[in-house]
Amino acid sequence: MAKRVQLVLNQDVNKLGRAGDLVEVAPGYARNYLLPKGMAVRTTPGVLKQVERRREQERQRLLELKQEAEVIRVALEKASTFTIAKQVGEKEAIFGSVTNREVAEVIHSVTGHEVDARGIKVPDINKLGTYKVELKLHPEVTATIDIHVVAEG
């Protein structure tokens, strides 16, 4: 069986890896496709050091994002309850419903923190009252806040 060749990818290659990844491929695939097209470079001690440095920088960046999410979670828990005013009909039924975008706007206006509306799970709200809303701030950080829906006016 032929020996495998180690390369570092310069760009994303479908079904192989992302830019900066260290991969092992067949020598013919490396010699005839990846290297001539500039998609990868052969590994050298210098290139391996660069790969390791990039991995460390990426790890630091992800750690900073997680810490920012923790700060936002603490700020949301301190604010505790957020109020949204909606038009009301009969039997305290609201017109429309409370959307995740409205929740994100209220959070921004109260705390000053930007929250991605796509990470907000709003239950089906169609009456006045207090509801629990779950926010996914980071893959490892979630927060639960109370939304108090009141009559407008």
N, C-alpha and C. Protein backbone atom coordinates (compact mmCIF):
# COMPACT_ATOMS: atom_id res chain seq x y z
N MET A 1 0.85 -1.19 0.00
CA MET A 1 0.00 0.00 0.00
C MET A 1 0.89 1.24 0.00
N ALA A 2 0.45 2.25 -0.75
CA ALA A 2 1.24 3.47 -0.92
C ALA A 2 1.24 4.29 0.37
N LYS A 3 2.32 5.00 0.57
CA LYS A 3 2.48 5.86 1.73
C LYS A 3 1.58 7.10 1.57
N ARG A 4 1.01 7.59 2.66
CA ARG A 4 0.18 8.78 2.64
C ARG A 4 1.07 10.02 2.77
N VAL A 5 0.59 11.14 2.22
CA VAL A 5 1.35 12.38 2.25
C VAL A 5 0.61 13.38 3.14
N GLN A 6 1.37 14.08 4.01
CA GLN A 6 0.78 15.11 4.86
C GLN A 6 0.87 16.46 4.17
N LEU A 7 -0.27 17.17 4.15
CA LEU A 7 -0.34 18.50 3.55
C LEU A 7 -1.11 19.43 4.48
N VAL A 8 -0.92 20.73 4.27
CA VAL A 8 -1.71 21.75 4.96
C VAL A 8 -2.54 22.45 3.89
N LEU A 9 -3.84 22.50 4.10
CA LEU A 9 -4.74 23.09 3.12
C LEU A 9 -4.67 24.62 3.14
N ASN A 10 -4.59 25.23 1.96
CA ASN A 10 -4.61 26.68 1.82
C ASN A 10 -6.03 27.22 1.73
N GLN A 11 -6.96 26.37 1.34
CA GLN A 11 -8.36 26.76 1.20
C GLN A 11 -9.24 25.57 1.54
N ASP A 12 -10.53 25.82 1.71
CA ASP A 12 -11.47 24.74 2.01
C ASP A 12 -11.56 23.80 0.82
N VAL A 13 -11.47 22.50 1.09
CA VAL A 13 -11.61 21.49 0.05
C VAL A 13 -12.77 20.58 0.47
N ASN A 14 -13.76 20.46 -0.41
CA ASN A 14 -14.95 19.68 -0.12
C ASN A 14 -14.59 18.24 0.27
N LYS A 15 -15.17 17.76 1.35
CA LYS A 15 -15.00 16.41 1.86
C LYS A 15 -13.57 16.09 2.30
N LEU A 16 -12.73 17.13 2.47
CA LEU A 16 -11.36 16.89 2.92
C LEU A 16 -11.05 17.71 4.17
N GLY A 17 -11.33 19.01 4.12
CA GLY A 17 -11.06 19.84 5.29
C GLY A 17 -11.17 21.31 4.98
N ARG A 18 -10.90 22.10 6.02
CA ARG A 18 -10.97 23.55 5.92
C ARG A 18 -9.57 24.12 5.78
N ALA A 19 -9.49 25.39 5.39
CA ALA A 19 -8.20 26.06 5.25
C ALA A 19 -7.45 26.00 6.57
N GLY A 20 -6.17 25.64 6.50
CA GLY A 20 -5.34 25.54 7.69
C GLY A 20 -5.31 24.17 8.32
N ASP A 21 -6.15 23.25 7.87
CA ASP A 21 -6.17 21.89 8.42
C ASP A 21 -4.98 21.09 7.93
N LEU A 22 -4.50 20.22 8.79
CA LEU A 22 -3.43 19.28 8.45
C LEU A 22 -4.13 17.98 8.03
N VAL A 23 -3.90 17.54 6.78
CA VAL A 23 -4.59 16.36 6.26
C VAL A 23 -3.58 15.37 5.68
N GLU A 24 -3.99 14.11 5.65
CA GLU A 24 -3.19 13.06 5.00
C GLU A 24 -3.97 12.57 3.80
N VAL A 25 -3.30 12.59 2.63
CA VAL A 25 -3.95 12.17 1.39
C VAL A 25 -3.03 11.23 0.63
N ALA A 26 -3.59 10.61 -0.41
CA ALA A 26 -2.80 9.74 -1.28
C ALA A 26 -1.79 10.60 -2.05
N PRO A 27 -0.60 10.06 -2.33
CA PRO A 27 0.42 10.86 -3.01
C PRO A 27 -0.03 11.36 -4.39
N GLY A 28 -0.78 10.55 -5.12
CA GLY A 28 -1.25 10.97 -6.44
C GLY A 28 -2.23 12.13 -6.37
N TYR A 29 -3.11 12.11 -5.38
CA TYR A 29 -4.08 13.19 -5.19
C TYR A 29 -3.34 14.48 -4.85
N ALA A 30 -2.32 14.38 -4.04
CA ALA A 30 -1.53 15.56 -3.68
C ALA A 30 -0.75 16.06 -4.89
N ARG A 31 -0.05 15.18 -5.56
CA ARG A 31 0.84 15.56 -6.67
C ARG A 31 0.07 16.06 -7.89
N ASN A 32 -1.07 15.44 -8.20
CA ASN A 32 -1.79 15.75 -9.43
C ASN A 32 -2.92 16.78 -9.28
N TYR A 33 -3.39 16.99 -8.06
CA TYR A 33 -4.54 17.88 -7.91
C TYR A 33 -4.31 19.00 -6.90
N LEU A 34 -4.05 18.65 -5.65
CA LEU A 34 -3.98 19.67 -4.60
C LEU A 34 -2.80 20.63 -4.75
N LEU A 35 -1.61 20.08 -4.99
CA LEU A 35 -0.43 20.95 -5.10
C LEU A 35 -0.42 21.82 -6.35
N PRO A 36 -0.71 21.29 -7.57
CA PRO A 36 -0.69 22.15 -8.75
C PRO A 36 -1.74 23.27 -8.71
N LYS A 37 -2.89 23.01 -8.09
CA LYS A 37 -3.95 24.02 -8.03
C LYS A 37 -3.73 25.00 -6.88
N GLY A 38 -2.69 24.80 -6.08
CA GLY A 38 -2.41 25.70 -4.97
C GLY A 38 -3.36 25.55 -3.80
N MET A 39 -4.05 24.42 -3.73
CA MET A 39 -5.01 24.20 -2.66
C MET A 39 -4.34 23.76 -1.37
N ALA A 40 -3.09 23.30 -1.46
CA ALA A 40 -2.39 22.80 -0.29
C ALA A 40 -0.89 23.00 -0.47
N VAL A 41 -0.16 22.91 0.64
CA VAL A 41 1.30 22.96 0.61
C VAL A 41 1.84 21.78 1.41
N ARG A 42 3.04 21.37 1.06
CA ARG A 42 3.68 20.28 1.80
C ARG A 42 4.01 20.75 3.21
N THR A 43 4.02 19.81 4.14
CA THR A 43 4.31 20.18 5.52
C THR A 43 5.82 20.30 5.73
N THR A 44 6.19 21.36 6.39
CA THR A 44 7.57 21.58 6.84
C THR A 44 7.47 22.00 8.30
N PRO A 45 8.58 21.99 9.02
CA PRO A 45 8.51 22.43 10.42
C PRO A 45 7.94 23.85 10.56
N GLY A 46 8.28 24.75 9.65
CA GLY A 46 7.76 26.12 9.70
C GLY A 46 6.27 26.17 9.46
N VAL A 47 5.79 25.39 8.50
CA VAL A 47 4.35 25.36 8.19
C VAL A 47 3.59 24.76 9.37
N LEU A 48 4.16 23.73 10.01
CA LEU A 48 3.50 23.12 11.17
C LEU A 48 3.40 24.11 12.32
N LYS A 49 4.42 24.95 12.50
CA LYS A 49 4.37 25.98 13.55
C LYS A 49 3.25 26.99 13.26
N GLN A 50 3.11 27.37 11.97
CA GLN A 50 2.04 28.29 11.59
C GLN A 50 0.67 27.69 11.87
N VAL A 51 0.52 26.40 11.54
CA VAL A 51 -0.75 25.72 11.77
C VAL A 51 -1.07 25.72 13.26
N GLU A 52 -0.09 25.43 14.08
CA GLU A 52 -0.28 25.39 15.52
C GLU A 52 -0.63 26.79 16.05
N ARG A 53 0.02 27.81 15.53
CA ARG A 53 -0.25 29.19 15.95
C ARG A 53 -1.69 29.58 15.56
N ARG A 54 -2.13 29.20 14.36
CA ARG A 54 -3.51 29.50 13.93
C ARG A 54 -4.53 28.80 14.82
N ARG A 55 -4.24 27.55 15.16
CA ARG A 55 -5.16 26.80 16.03
C ARG A 55 -5.29 27.48 17.39
N GLU A 56 -4.16 27.94 17.93
CA GLU A 56 -4.17 28.61 19.23
C GLU A 56 -4.95 29.92 19.15
N GLN A 57 -4.78 30.68 18.06
CA GLN A 57 -5.51 31.93 17.90
C GLN A 57 -7.02 31.66 17.79
N GLU A 58 -7.39 30.62 17.07
CA GLU A 58 -8.80 30.26 16.93
C GLU A 58 -9.38 29.82 18.27
N ARG A 59 -8.60 29.06 19.03
CA ARG A 59 -9.05 28.62 20.35
C ARG A 59 -9.27 29.83 21.27
N GLN A 60 -8.35 30.81 21.22
CA GLN A 60 -8.49 32.03 22.03
C GLN A 60 -9.72 32.82 21.61
N ARG A 61 -9.95 32.91 20.30
CA ARG A 61 -11.12 33.65 19.80
C ARG A 61 -12.41 33.01 20.28
N LEU A 62 -12.49 31.68 20.22
CA LEU A 62 -13.69 30.98 20.66
C LEU A 62 -13.90 31.15 22.17
N LEU A 63 -12.80 31.15 22.93
CA LEU A 63 -12.88 31.35 24.37
C LEU A 63 -13.40 32.76 24.70
N GLU A 64 -12.94 33.76 23.95
CA GLU A 64 -13.42 35.14 24.14
C GLU A 64 -14.91 35.26 23.84
N LEU A 65 -15.36 34.58 22.77
CA LEU A 65 -16.79 34.61 22.43
C LEU A 65 -17.63 34.00 23.55
N LYS A 66 -17.13 32.91 24.15
CA LYS A 66 -17.85 32.27 25.24
C LYS A 66 -17.90 33.19 26.46
N GLN A 67 -16.79 33.88 26.75
CA GLN A 67 -16.77 34.80 27.89
C GLN A 67 -17.73 35.97 27.67
N GLU A 68 -17.80 36.49 26.45
CA GLU A 68 -18.76 37.56 26.13
C GLU A 68 -20.19 37.08 26.35
N ALA A 69 -20.48 35.85 25.96
CA ALA A 69 -21.82 35.29 26.14
C ALA A 69 -22.14 35.17 27.62
N GLU A 70 -21.16 34.79 28.44
CA GLU A 70 -21.37 34.69 29.88
C GLU A 70 -21.69 36.05 30.48
N VAL A 71 -20.99 37.10 30.01
CA VAL A 71 -21.24 38.46 30.49
C VAL A 71 -22.66 38.88 30.15
N ILE A 72 -23.11 38.58 28.93
CA ILE A 72 -24.47 38.93 28.52
C ILE A 72 -25.49 38.16 29.35
N ARG A 73 -25.20 36.88 29.63
CA ARG A 73 -26.12 36.07 30.44
C ARG A 73 -26.29 36.67 31.84
N VAL A 74 -25.19 37.10 32.44
CA VAL A 74 -25.25 37.70 33.78
C VAL A 74 -26.05 39.01 33.73
N ALA A 75 -25.84 39.82 32.69
CA ALA A 75 -26.58 41.08 32.56
C ALA A 75 -28.08 40.81 32.39
N LEU A 76 -28.43 39.78 31.64
CA LEU A 76 -29.85 39.45 31.44
C LEU A 76 -30.48 38.97 32.74
N GLU A 77 -29.72 38.20 33.53
CA GLU A 77 -30.27 37.71 34.79
C GLU A 77 -30.45 38.85 35.79
N LYS A 78 -29.57 39.86 35.75
CA LYS A 78 -29.72 41.02 36.64
C LYS A 78 -30.96 41.83 36.27
N ALA A 79 -31.21 41.98 34.96
CA ALA A 79 -32.37 42.75 34.52
C ALA A 79 -33.66 42.00 34.82
N SER A 80 -33.62 40.71 34.95
CA SER A 80 -34.69 39.77 35.28
C SER A 80 -35.92 39.83 34.37
N THR A 81 -36.77 40.86 34.45
CA THR A 81 -38.01 40.87 33.68
C THR A 81 -37.99 41.96 32.63
N PHE A 82 -38.43 41.61 31.42
CA PHE A 82 -38.52 42.55 30.32
C PHE A 82 -39.99 42.71 29.97
N THR A 83 -40.40 43.94 29.65
CA THR A 83 -41.81 44.21 29.39
C THR A 83 -42.02 44.55 27.91
N ILE A 84 -43.04 43.93 27.33
CA ILE A 84 -43.43 44.21 25.95
C ILE A 84 -44.90 44.62 25.97
N ALA A 85 -45.19 45.77 25.35
CA ALA A 85 -46.57 46.26 25.28
C ALA A 85 -47.18 45.87 23.93
N LYS A 86 -48.38 45.28 23.97
CA LYS A 86 -49.09 44.85 22.76
C LYS A 86 -50.54 45.35 22.82
N GLN A 87 -51.15 45.49 21.65
CA GLN A 87 -52.57 45.83 21.60
C GLN A 87 -53.39 44.64 22.08
N VAL A 88 -54.46 44.95 22.82
CA VAL A 88 -55.24 43.88 23.44
C VAL A 88 -56.68 43.92 22.94
N GLY A 89 -57.24 42.73 22.75
CA GLY A 89 -58.64 42.59 22.36
C GLY A 89 -59.44 42.04 23.53
N GLU A 90 -60.46 41.25 23.21
CA GLU A 90 -61.31 40.66 24.24
C GLU A 90 -60.57 39.57 25.01
N LYS A 91 -60.93 39.42 26.28
CA LYS A 91 -60.39 38.36 27.15
C LYS A 91 -58.86 38.37 27.21
N GLU A 92 -58.28 39.55 27.24
CA GLU A 92 -56.83 39.76 27.35
C GLU A 92 -56.04 39.09 26.22
N ALA A 93 -56.67 38.85 25.09
CA ALA A 93 -55.98 38.28 23.94
C ALA A 93 -55.26 39.40 23.21
N ILE A 94 -54.02 39.16 22.83
CA ILE A 94 -53.27 40.20 22.13
C ILE A 94 -53.42 40.04 20.62
N PHE A 95 -53.25 41.16 19.91
CA PHE A 95 -53.29 41.11 18.45
C PHE A 95 -51.93 40.66 17.96
N GLY A 96 -51.87 39.64 17.13
CA GLY A 96 -50.60 39.09 16.67
C GLY A 96 -49.97 38.25 17.76
N SER A 97 -48.67 38.19 17.75
CA SER A 97 -47.97 37.45 18.80
C SER A 97 -46.64 38.15 19.07
N VAL A 98 -45.97 37.71 20.11
CA VAL A 98 -44.66 38.26 20.44
C VAL A 98 -43.62 37.48 19.65
N THR A 99 -42.80 38.21 18.89
CA THR A 99 -41.80 37.55 18.05
C THR A 99 -40.43 37.61 18.70
N ASN A 100 -39.53 36.76 18.20
CA ASN A 100 -38.17 36.77 18.74
C ASN A 100 -37.45 38.08 18.42
N ARG A 101 -37.80 38.72 17.34
CA ARG A 101 -37.20 40.03 16.99
C ARG A 101 -37.61 41.09 18.01
N GLU A 102 -38.89 41.08 18.42
CA GLU A 102 -39.34 42.03 19.45
C GLU A 102 -38.60 41.81 20.76
N VAL A 103 -38.41 40.55 21.12
CA VAL A 103 -37.68 40.23 22.35
C VAL A 103 -36.25 40.73 22.26
N ALA A 104 -35.60 40.54 21.11
CA ALA A 104 -34.22 41.00 20.93
C ALA A 104 -34.15 42.53 21.04
N GLU A 105 -35.14 43.24 20.49
CA GLU A 105 -35.16 44.71 20.57
C GLU A 105 -35.33 45.18 22.01
N VAL A 106 -36.21 44.52 22.77
CA VAL A 106 -36.43 44.91 24.16
C VAL A 106 -35.16 44.66 24.98
N ILE A 107 -34.50 43.53 24.75
CA ILE A 107 -33.26 43.23 25.46
C ILE A 107 -32.21 44.28 25.15
N HIS A 108 -32.10 44.66 23.89
CA HIS A 108 -31.11 45.67 23.49
C HIS A 108 -31.42 47.02 24.13
N SER A 109 -32.70 47.40 24.17
CA SER A 109 -33.05 48.71 24.73
C SER A 109 -32.82 48.75 26.24
N VAL A 110 -33.02 47.63 26.95
CA VAL A 110 -32.87 47.62 28.40
C VAL A 110 -31.41 47.43 28.82
N THR A 111 -30.72 46.45 28.23
CA THR A 111 -29.37 46.12 28.68
C THR A 111 -28.28 46.74 27.81
N GLY A 112 -28.60 47.07 26.57
CA GLY A 112 -27.58 47.59 25.66
C GLY A 112 -26.79 46.51 24.96
N HIS A 113 -27.11 45.24 25.22
CA HIS A 113 -26.41 44.12 24.59
C HIS A 113 -27.18 43.64 23.36
N GLU A 114 -26.43 43.39 22.28
CA GLU A 114 -27.04 42.83 21.07
C GLU A 114 -27.21 41.33 21.25
N VAL A 115 -28.40 40.82 20.97
CA VAL A 115 -28.67 39.38 21.05
C VAL A 115 -29.21 38.95 19.69
N ASP A 116 -28.68 37.85 19.17
CA ASP A 116 -29.13 37.34 17.87
C ASP A 116 -30.55 36.81 18.00
N ALA A 117 -31.46 37.35 17.22
CA ALA A 117 -32.87 36.96 17.30
C ALA A 117 -33.07 35.49 16.93
N ARG A 118 -32.17 34.93 16.11
CA ARG A 118 -32.32 33.53 15.70
C ARG A 118 -32.09 32.57 16.86
N GLY A 119 -31.41 33.02 17.92
CA GLY A 119 -31.14 32.16 19.07
C GLY A 119 -32.19 32.28 20.16
N ILE A 120 -33.28 32.96 19.89
CA ILE A 120 -34.32 33.17 20.91
C ILE A 120 -35.50 32.24 20.63
N LYS A 121 -35.87 31.45 21.65
CA LYS A 121 -37.03 30.56 21.53
C LYS A 121 -38.17 31.16 22.33
N VAL A 122 -39.16 31.70 21.61
CA VAL A 122 -40.32 32.33 22.24
C VAL A 122 -41.47 31.33 22.23
N PRO A 123 -42.09 31.07 23.39
CA PRO A 123 -43.26 30.19 23.39
C PRO A 123 -44.42 30.87 22.67
N ASP A 124 -45.48 30.15 22.41
CA ASP A 124 -46.65 30.72 21.73
C ASP A 124 -47.35 31.68 22.70
N ILE A 125 -47.17 32.98 22.46
CA ILE A 125 -47.73 34.00 23.35
C ILE A 125 -48.89 34.68 22.63
N ASN A 126 -50.11 34.52 23.19
CA ASN A 126 -51.26 35.19 22.59
C ASN A 126 -52.19 35.78 23.63
N LYS A 127 -51.74 35.87 24.88
CA LYS A 127 -52.50 36.51 25.96
C LYS A 127 -51.54 37.32 26.81
N LEU A 128 -52.11 38.24 27.60
CA LEU A 128 -51.29 39.00 28.54
C LEU A 128 -50.75 38.06 29.62
N GLY A 129 -49.60 38.41 30.18
CA GLY A 129 -49.05 37.60 31.26
C GLY A 129 -47.53 37.56 31.20
N THR A 130 -46.96 36.69 32.01
CA THR A 130 -45.51 36.54 32.08
C THR A 130 -45.12 35.19 31.49
N TYR A 131 -44.12 35.19 30.66
CA TYR A 131 -43.69 33.98 29.96
C TYR A 131 -42.17 33.83 30.08
N LYS A 132 -41.72 32.60 30.07
CA LYS A 132 -40.28 32.30 30.09
C LYS A 132 -39.80 32.18 28.64
N VAL A 133 -38.69 32.84 28.35
CA VAL A 133 -38.10 32.82 27.02
C VAL A 133 -36.66 32.34 27.15
N GLU A 134 -36.27 31.40 26.29
CA GLU A 134 -34.92 30.85 26.33
C GLU A 134 -34.07 31.49 25.23
N LEU A 135 -32.86 31.91 25.61
CA LEU A 135 -31.94 32.53 24.66
C LEU A 135 -30.68 31.69 24.57
N LYS A 136 -30.29 31.37 23.35
CA LYS A 136 -29.04 30.65 23.13
C LYS A 136 -28.00 31.69 22.71
N LEU A 137 -27.12 32.03 23.64
CA LEU A 137 -26.13 33.07 23.42
C LEU A 137 -24.85 32.53 22.79
N HIS A 138 -24.60 31.24 23.01
CA HIS A 138 -23.38 30.57 22.54
C HIS A 138 -23.71 29.09 22.57
N PRO A 139 -23.02 28.26 21.79
CA PRO A 139 -23.34 26.83 21.84
C PRO A 139 -23.31 26.23 23.24
N GLU A 140 -22.54 26.83 24.16
CA GLU A 140 -22.45 26.30 25.53
C GLU A 140 -23.10 27.19 26.57
N VAL A 141 -23.69 28.33 26.16
CA VAL A 141 -24.26 29.28 27.12
C VAL A 141 -25.71 29.59 26.72
N THR A 142 -26.64 29.30 27.64
CA THR A 142 -28.04 29.66 27.43
C THR A 142 -28.53 30.45 28.64
N ALA A 143 -29.52 31.29 28.41
CA ALA A 143 -30.11 32.08 29.49
C ALA A 143 -31.62 31.99 29.37
N THR A 144 -32.30 32.10 30.50
CA THR A 144 -33.75 32.12 30.51
C THR A 144 -34.19 33.43 31.14
N ILE A 145 -35.07 34.15 30.45
CA ILE A 145 -35.55 35.43 30.97
C ILE A 145 -37.08 35.41 31.03
N ASP A 146 -37.65 36.35 31.80
CA ASP A 146 -39.09 36.49 31.87
C ASP A 146 -39.52 37.65 31.00
N ILE A 147 -40.52 37.42 30.15
CA ILE A 147 -41.11 38.46 29.33
C ILE A 147 -42.50 38.72 29.89
N HIS A 148 -42.74 39.97 30.26
CA HIS A 148 -44.06 40.36 30.79
C HIS A 148 -44.79 41.10 29.69
N VAL A 149 -45.89 40.52 29.20
CA VAL A 149 -46.68 41.13 28.13
C VAL A 149 -47.80 41.92 28.79
N VAL A 150 -47.84 43.25 28.48
CA VAL A 150 -48.84 44.14 29.07
C VAL A 150 -49.65 44.81 27.96
N ALA A 151 -50.79 45.40 28.36
CA ALA A 151 -51.63 46.10 27.39
C ALA A 151 -51.00 47.42 27.00
N GLU A 152 -51.07 47.74 25.73
CA GLU A 152 -50.52 48.98 25.20
C GLU A 152 -51.44 50.13 25.55
N GLY A 153 -50.83 51.27 25.88
CA GLY A 153 -51.66 52.47 26.08
C GLY A 153 -51.78 52.92 27.46
